[in-house]
Amino acid sequence: MGLYNIIMKDPVFYENAVEDAVITIDKDRKVISIEGVDQEFLYSISTLEETLLDTGGVVSLYKKFDKALFRHLVSLGGGKKRASKSGSSHAGSGCGKSGPTLDW
């Protein structure tokens, strides 16, 4: 789980990211550059994945927090909620109850 999972939607990136290209990821600015290409490419990463990477990964966090790991991760994410498709900040849980949809 130590892989950096970015979401890149710019097709120009894929045109330039050829085999043996030197690619640099600037995690703080959330941009990728390709050696020899003047353009920088913005990317996104989920809040959960970013929190996992910033805190040392799943294994180290599990050793520290055990079964409370995911509760701790949610609290580190600032409690951000994502609106459901209906525009509400709550989505059905499948058990007849409504609950928050987290930005994972």
C-alpha atoms as a PDB file:
ATOM      1  CA  MET A   1       0.000   0.000   0.000  1.00  0.00           C
ATOM      2  CA  GLY A   2       2.967   2.321  -0.411  1.00  0.00           C
ATOM      3  CA  LEU A   3       2.192   3.088  -4.048  1.00  0.00           C
ATOM      4  CA  TYR A   4       1.300   6.644  -4.981  1.00  0.00           C
ATOM      5  CA  ASN A   5      -2.094   6.462  -6.699  1.00  0.00           C
ATOM      6  CA  ILE A   6      -2.625   9.642  -8.700  1.00  0.00           C
ATOM      7  CA  ILE A   7      -5.508  10.524 -10.981  1.00  0.00           C
ATOM      8  CA  MET A   8      -4.351  12.109 -14.225  1.00  0.00           C
ATOM      9  CA  LYS A   9      -7.015  13.235 -16.669  1.00  0.00           C
ATOM     10  CA  ASP A  10      -4.925  15.255 -19.123  1.00  0.00           C
ATOM     11  CA  PRO A  11      -4.459  13.322 -22.401  1.00  0.00           C
ATOM     12  CA  VAL A  12      -1.396  15.446 -23.254  1.00  0.00           C
ATOM     13  CA  PHE A  13       0.388  13.856 -20.291  1.00  0.00           C
ATOM     14  CA  TYR A  14      -0.104  10.390 -21.777  1.00  0.00           C
ATOM     15  CA  GLU A  15       1.163  11.564 -25.166  1.00  0.00           C
ATOM     16  CA  ASN A  16       4.432  12.675 -23.537  1.00  0.00           C
ATOM     17  CA  ALA A  17       4.869  10.008 -20.839  1.00  0.00           C
ATOM     18  CA  VAL A  18       6.623   7.555 -23.106  1.00  0.00           C
ATOM     19  CA  GLU A  19       8.922   4.705 -22.140  1.00  0.00           C
ATOM     20  CA  ASP A  20      12.192   5.929 -20.557  1.00  0.00           C
ATOM     21  CA  ALA A  21      10.792   9.462 -20.021  1.00  0.00           C
ATOM     22  CA  VAL A  22      12.011  11.128 -16.823  1.00  0.00           C
ATOM     23  CA  ILE A  23       8.916  12.022 -14.807  1.00  0.00           C
ATOM     24  CA  THR A  24       8.984  14.071 -11.602  1.00  0.00           C
ATOM     25  CA  ILE A  25       6.106  14.231  -9.115  1.00  0.00           C
ATOM     26  CA  ASP A  26       5.851  17.323  -6.907  1.00  0.00           C
ATOM     27  CA  LYS A  27       3.634  16.034  -4.109  1.00  0.00           C
ATOM     28  CA  ASP A  28       3.277  19.400  -2.351  1.00  0.00           C
ATOM     29  CA  ARG A  29       2.099  21.265  -5.461  1.00  0.00           C
ATOM     30  CA  LYS A  30       0.259  18.223  -6.935  1.00  0.00           C
ATOM     31  CA  VAL A  31       1.941  18.586 -10.320  1.00  0.00           C
ATOM     32  CA  ILE A  32       3.907  16.239 -12.556  1.00  0.00           C
ATOM     33  CA  SER A  33       6.595  17.322 -14.967  1.00  0.00           C
ATOM     34  CA  ILE A  34       8.178  15.382 -17.800  1.00  0.00           C
ATOM     35  CA  GLU A  35      11.772  16.159 -18.707  1.00  0.00           C
ATOM     36  CA  GLY A  36      11.877  18.064 -22.011  1.00  0.00           C
ATOM     37  CA  VAL A  37       8.195  19.106 -21.853  1.00  0.00           C
ATOM     38  CA  ASP A  38       7.489  22.733 -20.885  1.00  0.00           C
ATOM     39  CA  GLN A  39       4.033  21.974 -19.465  1.00  0.00           C
ATOM     40  CA  GLU A  40       3.297  20.846 -15.891  1.00  0.00           C
ATOM     41  CA  PHE A  41       0.357  18.505 -15.335  1.00  0.00           C
ATOM     42  CA  LEU A  42      -2.003  18.828 -12.366  1.00  0.00           C
ATOM     43  CA  TYR A  43      -3.157  15.619 -10.712  1.00  0.00           C
ATOM     44  CA  SER A  44      -5.470  14.640  -7.891  1.00  0.00           C
ATOM     45  CA  ILE A  45      -5.320  12.084  -5.092  1.00  0.00           C
ATOM     46  CA  SER A  46      -8.013  11.107  -2.607  1.00  0.00           C
ATOM     47  CA  THR A  47      -7.889  12.541   0.899  1.00  0.00           C
ATOM     48  CA  LEU A  48      -7.624   9.046   2.362  1.00  0.00           C
ATOM     49  CA  GLU A  49      -4.672   8.054   0.174  1.00  0.00           C
ATOM     50  CA  GLU A  50      -2.877  11.308   0.892  1.00  0.00           C
ATOM     51  CA  THR A  51      -3.389  10.826   4.631  1.00  0.00           C
ATOM     52  CA  LEU A  52      -2.114   7.248   4.421  1.00  0.00           C
ATOM     53  CA  LEU A  53       1.052   8.364   2.638  1.00  0.00           C
ATOM     54  CA  ASP A  54       1.649  11.329   4.942  1.00  0.00           C
ATOM     55  CA  THR A  55       1.392   9.140   8.036  1.00  0.00           C
ATOM     56  CA  GLY A  56       3.644   6.303   6.908  1.00  0.00           C
ATOM     57  CA  GLY A  57       1.240   3.840   5.316  1.00  0.00           C
ATOM     58  CA  VAL A  58      -1.273   1.258   6.468  1.00  0.00           C
ATOM     59  CA  VAL A  59       1.159  -1.093   8.225  1.00  0.00           C
ATOM     60  CA  SER A  60       2.727   1.548  10.470  1.00  0.00           C
ATOM     61  CA  LEU A  61      -0.669   3.058  11.255  1.00  0.00           C
ATOM     62  CA  TYR A  62      -2.167  -0.343  12.051  1.00  0.00           C
ATOM     63  CA  LYS A  63       0.690  -1.038  14.469  1.00  0.00           C
ATOM     64  CA  LYS A  64      -0.034   2.269  16.189  1.00  0.00           C
ATOM     65  CA  PHE A  65      -3.867   2.373  16.143  1.00  0.00           C
ATOM     66  CA  ASP A  66      -4.869  -1.299  15.697  1.00  0.00           C
ATOM     67  CA  LYS A  67      -8.634  -1.599  15.148  1.00  0.00           C
ATOM     68  CA  ALA A  68      -9.189   2.163  15.501  1.00  0.00           C
ATOM     69  CA  LEU A  69      -7.097   2.789  12.370  1.00  0.00           C
ATOM     70  CA  PHE A  70      -9.884   3.900  10.027  1.00  0.00           C
ATOM     71  CA  ARG A  71     -11.540   6.064  12.679  1.00  0.00           C
ATOM     72  CA  HIS A  72      -8.182   7.786  13.099  1.00  0.00           C
ATOM     73  CA  LEU A  73      -7.750   8.234   9.330  1.00  0.00           C
ATOM     74  CA  VAL A  74     -11.175   9.831   9.013  1.00  0.00           C
ATOM     75  CA  SER A  75     -10.371  12.241  11.846  1.00  0.00           C
ATOM     76  CA  LEU A  76      -7.072  13.218  10.151  1.00  0.00           C
ATOM     77  CA  GLY A  77      -8.949  13.954   6.926  1.00  0.00           C
ATOM     78  CA  GLY A  78     -10.674  16.841   8.676  1.00  0.00           C
ATOM     79  CA  GLY A  79     -14.099  15.202   8.563  1.00  0.00           C
ATOM     80  CA  LYS A  80     -14.621  16.337   4.962  1.00  0.00           C
ATOM     81  CA  LYS A  81     -17.882  15.083   3.541  1.00  0.00           C
ATOM     82  CA  ARG A  82     -18.722  14.677  -0.117  1.00  0.00           C
ATOM     83  CA  ALA A  83     -22.225  15.347  -1.347  1.00  0.00           C
ATOM     84  CA  SER A  84     -24.035  12.421  -2.906  1.00  0.00           C
ATOM     85  CA  LYS A  85     -25.332  12.564  -6.479  1.00  0.00           C
ATOM     86  CA  SER A  86     -28.655  13.876  -5.240  1.00  0.00           C
ATOM     87  CA  GLY A  87     -26.904  16.930  -3.793  1.00  0.00           C
ATOM     88  CA  SER A  88     -27.401  15.832  -0.197  1.00  0.00           C
ATOM     89  CA  SER A  89     -24.482  15.356   2.156  1.00  0.00           C
ATOM     90  CA  HIS A  90     -26.004  12.035   3.240  1.00  0.00           C
ATOM     91  CA  ALA A  91     -26.328   8.773   1.363  1.00  0.00           C
ATOM     92  CA  GLY A  92     -28.187   5.623   2.262  1.00  0.00           C
ATOM     93  CA  SER A  93     -26.153   2.964   4.023  1.00  0.00           C
ATOM     94  CA  GLY A  94     -28.180   0.115   2.605  1.00  0.00           C
ATOM     95  CA  CYS A  95     -29.673  -0.583   6.034  1.00  0.00           C
ATOM     96  CA  GLY A  96     -32.459   1.982   5.842  1.00  0.00           C
ATOM     97  CA  LYS A  97     -30.405   4.631   7.614  1.00  0.00           C
ATOM     98  CA  SER A  98     -28.803   7.766   6.250  1.00  0.00           C
ATOM     99  CA  GLY A  99     -25.232   8.586   7.099  1.00  0.00           C
ATOM    100  CA  PRO A 100     -22.448  10.874   5.884  1.00  0.00           C
ATOM    101  CA  THR A 101     -20.601  10.040   2.683  1.00  0.00           C
ATOM    102  CA  LEU A 102     -16.887  10.471   3.306  1.00  0.00           C
ATOM    103  CA  ASP A 103     -14.429  11.799   0.710  1.00  0.00           C
ATOM    104  CA  TRP A 104     -12.298   8.665   0.334  1.00  0.00           C
END
